[in-house]
Amino acid sequence: MIPLLLDVDTGIDDAFALLYALGRPEAKLLGVSTVVGNVSLAAATRNTRAVLALAGRADLPVWPGA
């Protein structure tokens, strides 16, 4: 099992990356940090939590960056 922490600015590309990571049996997503990028920090954090919830993994921690 490969432990992962992902750092994302969840727009469409990072939403797919999150879903891909969650679907890999050899990967264990431990949590996600969010940053400003394609969208604002607030939007990236909201989008990340929404993607995780849709994937049934709302239990994973999401840490907004600085």
N, C-alpha and C. Protein backbone atom coordinates (compact mmCIF):
# COMPACT_ATOMS: atom_id res chain seq x y z
N MET A 1 0.85 -1.18 0.00
CA MET A 1 0.00 0.00 0.00
C MET A 1 0.89 1.24 0.00
N ILE A 2 0.61 2.16 -0.90
CA ILE A 2 1.38 3.39 -1.02
C ILE A 2 0.60 4.53 -0.35
N PRO A 3 1.12 5.11 0.74
CA PRO A 3 0.42 6.22 1.39
C PRO A 3 0.57 7.50 0.56
N LEU A 4 -0.54 8.24 0.40
CA LEU A 4 -0.53 9.47 -0.39
C LEU A 4 -1.11 10.64 0.39
N LEU A 5 -0.50 11.78 0.22
CA LEU A 5 -1.08 13.07 0.59
C LEU A 5 -1.07 13.87 -0.71
N LEU A 6 -2.22 14.33 -1.14
CA LEU A 6 -2.29 15.11 -2.37
C LEU A 6 -2.46 16.58 -2.06
N ASP A 7 -1.82 17.42 -2.87
CA ASP A 7 -1.92 18.87 -2.76
C ASP A 7 -2.57 19.35 -4.05
N VAL A 8 -3.76 19.91 -3.94
CA VAL A 8 -4.57 20.20 -5.14
C VAL A 8 -5.15 21.61 -5.12
N ASP A 9 -5.51 22.08 -6.30
CA ASP A 9 -6.29 23.31 -6.46
C ASP A 9 -7.54 22.91 -7.25
N THR A 10 -8.36 22.11 -6.64
CA THR A 10 -9.37 21.31 -7.31
C THR A 10 -10.30 22.08 -8.23
N GLY A 11 -9.88 22.02 -9.50
CA GLY A 11 -10.72 22.30 -10.65
C GLY A 11 -10.99 20.94 -11.27
N ILE A 12 -11.31 20.88 -12.53
CA ILE A 12 -11.68 19.60 -13.15
C ILE A 12 -10.52 18.62 -13.19
N ASP A 13 -9.31 19.08 -13.49
CA ASP A 13 -8.18 18.16 -13.60
C ASP A 13 -7.84 17.50 -12.26
N ASP A 14 -7.85 18.27 -11.20
CA ASP A 14 -7.53 17.70 -9.89
C ASP A 14 -8.69 16.86 -9.35
N ALA A 15 -9.91 17.17 -9.75
CA ALA A 15 -11.04 16.31 -9.37
C ALA A 15 -10.83 14.92 -9.93
N PHE A 16 -10.41 14.84 -11.20
CA PHE A 16 -10.13 13.53 -11.80
C PHE A 16 -8.95 12.85 -11.11
N ALA A 17 -7.93 13.62 -10.74
CA ALA A 17 -6.77 13.05 -10.05
C ALA A 17 -7.17 12.47 -8.70
N LEU A 18 -8.02 13.16 -7.98
CA LEU A 18 -8.50 12.64 -6.69
C LEU A 18 -9.26 11.33 -6.89
N LEU A 19 -10.16 11.32 -7.86
CA LEU A 19 -10.94 10.11 -8.12
C LEU A 19 -10.04 8.96 -8.56
N TYR A 20 -9.05 9.27 -9.38
CA TYR A 20 -8.12 8.24 -9.83
C TYR A 20 -7.36 7.65 -8.64
N ALA A 21 -6.84 8.52 -7.78
CA ALA A 21 -6.11 8.05 -6.60
C ALA A 21 -6.99 7.20 -5.70
N LEU A 22 -8.23 7.61 -5.53
CA LEU A 22 -9.15 6.84 -4.68
C LEU A 22 -9.47 5.48 -5.28
N GLY A 23 -9.41 5.38 -6.59
CA GLY A 23 -9.74 4.12 -7.26
C GLY A 23 -8.59 3.15 -7.40
N ARG A 24 -7.39 3.55 -7.03
CA ARG A 24 -6.22 2.68 -7.16
C ARG A 24 -6.09 1.80 -5.93
N PRO A 25 -6.16 0.49 -6.09
CA PRO A 25 -6.10 -0.39 -4.92
C PRO A 25 -4.76 -0.36 -4.19
N GLU A 26 -3.69 0.01 -4.89
CA GLU A 26 -2.38 0.03 -4.24
C GLU A 26 -2.10 1.35 -3.53
N ALA A 27 -3.00 2.32 -3.64
CA ALA A 27 -2.80 3.64 -3.02
C ALA A 27 -3.73 3.81 -1.82
N LYS A 28 -3.22 4.47 -0.80
CA LYS A 28 -4.05 4.81 0.37
C LYS A 28 -3.96 6.32 0.57
N LEU A 29 -5.02 7.01 0.21
CA LEU A 29 -5.07 8.46 0.36
C LEU A 29 -5.30 8.78 1.83
N LEU A 30 -4.34 9.48 2.44
CA LEU A 30 -4.41 9.81 3.87
C LEU A 30 -5.07 11.16 4.12
N GLY A 31 -5.00 12.06 3.14
CA GLY A 31 -5.57 13.39 3.29
C GLY A 31 -5.21 14.24 2.10
N VAL A 32 -5.80 15.43 2.07
CA VAL A 32 -5.62 16.33 0.93
C VAL A 32 -5.40 17.74 1.46
N SER A 33 -4.42 18.43 0.89
CA SER A 33 -4.25 19.86 1.17
C SER A 33 -4.67 20.63 -0.07
N THR A 34 -5.16 21.84 0.15
CA THR A 34 -5.64 22.65 -0.97
C THR A 34 -4.85 23.96 -1.05
N VAL A 35 -4.70 24.44 -2.28
CA VAL A 35 -3.96 25.67 -2.54
C VAL A 35 -4.70 26.51 -3.58
N VAL A 36 -4.29 27.77 -3.69
CA VAL A 36 -4.80 28.65 -4.74
C VAL A 36 -4.16 28.22 -6.06
N GLY A 37 -4.92 28.24 -7.11
CA GLY A 37 -4.40 27.87 -8.43
C GLY A 37 -5.44 28.18 -9.48
N ASN A 38 -6.04 27.13 -10.02
CA ASN A 38 -7.10 27.31 -11.01
C ASN A 38 -8.30 28.04 -10.41
N VAL A 39 -8.48 27.88 -9.12
CA VAL A 39 -9.60 28.51 -8.41
C VAL A 39 -9.07 29.08 -7.09
N SER A 40 -9.90 29.83 -6.40
CA SER A 40 -9.50 30.40 -5.10
C SER A 40 -9.32 29.28 -4.07
N LEU A 41 -8.69 29.63 -2.96
CA LEU A 41 -8.50 28.65 -1.88
C LEU A 41 -9.84 28.14 -1.36
N ALA A 42 -10.78 29.04 -1.17
CA ALA A 42 -12.10 28.63 -0.66
C ALA A 42 -12.79 27.68 -1.65
N ALA A 43 -12.71 27.99 -2.94
CA ALA A 43 -13.34 27.13 -3.95
C ALA A 43 -12.61 25.79 -4.05
N ALA A 44 -11.28 25.81 -3.98
CA ALA A 44 -10.52 24.56 -4.04
C ALA A 44 -10.87 23.65 -2.87
N THR A 45 -10.99 24.23 -1.70
CA THR A 45 -11.34 23.45 -0.51
C THR A 45 -12.75 22.90 -0.61
N ARG A 46 -13.69 23.75 -1.02
CA ARG A 46 -15.09 23.32 -1.19
C ARG A 46 -15.18 22.22 -2.25
N ASN A 47 -14.53 22.42 -3.39
CA ASN A 47 -14.56 21.44 -4.47
C ASN A 47 -13.96 20.11 -4.04
N THR A 48 -12.85 20.18 -3.31
CA THR A 48 -12.19 18.96 -2.83
C THR A 48 -13.11 18.19 -1.91
N ARG A 49 -13.72 18.87 -0.98
CA ARG A 49 -14.65 18.19 -0.05
C ARG A 49 -15.84 17.61 -0.81
N ALA A 50 -16.31 18.30 -1.83
CA ALA A 50 -17.44 17.79 -2.63
C ALA A 50 -17.05 16.53 -3.40
N VAL A 51 -15.87 16.54 -4.00
CA VAL A 51 -15.40 15.35 -4.74
C VAL A 51 -15.24 14.17 -3.80
N LEU A 52 -14.64 14.39 -2.65
CA LEU A 52 -14.46 13.31 -1.68
C LEU A 52 -15.81 12.78 -1.20
N ALA A 53 -16.77 13.67 -0.97
CA ALA A 53 -18.10 13.24 -0.53
C ALA A 53 -18.78 12.41 -1.62
N LEU A 54 -18.69 12.85 -2.86
CA LEU A 54 -19.30 12.09 -3.96
C LEU A 54 -18.66 10.72 -4.12
N ALA A 55 -17.39 10.61 -3.77
CA ALA A 55 -16.68 9.34 -3.86
C ALA A 55 -16.89 8.48 -2.62
N GLY A 56 -17.68 8.97 -1.66
CA GLY A 56 -17.92 8.22 -0.43
C GLY A 56 -16.76 8.27 0.55
N ARG A 57 -15.90 9.30 0.44
CA ARG A 57 -14.74 9.42 1.32
C ARG A 57 -14.70 10.77 2.03
N ALA A 58 -15.85 11.22 2.48
CA ALA A 58 -15.93 12.48 3.23
C ALA A 58 -15.17 12.39 4.55
N ASP A 59 -14.75 11.18 4.94
CA ASP A 59 -14.01 10.98 6.17
C ASP A 59 -12.55 11.46 6.08
N LEU A 60 -12.04 11.64 4.86
CA LEU A 60 -10.66 12.05 4.69
C LEU A 60 -10.48 13.52 5.08
N PRO A 61 -9.39 13.83 5.78
CA PRO A 61 -9.16 15.23 6.15
C PRO A 61 -8.76 16.08 4.94
N VAL A 62 -9.22 17.32 4.96
CA VAL A 62 -8.84 18.32 3.94
C VAL A 62 -8.27 19.51 4.69
N TRP A 63 -7.03 19.86 4.34
CA TRP A 63 -6.35 20.96 5.01
C TRP A 63 -6.18 22.13 4.04
N PRO A 64 -6.88 23.27 4.26
CA PRO A 64 -6.65 24.44 3.41
C PRO A 64 -5.24 24.99 3.64
N GLY A 65 -4.58 25.34 2.56
CA GLY A 65 -3.23 25.90 2.65
C GLY A 65 -3.24 27.38 2.97
N ALA A 66 -2.06 27.94 3.01
CA ALA A 66 -1.92 29.37 3.33
C ALA A 66 -2.05 30.21 2.06
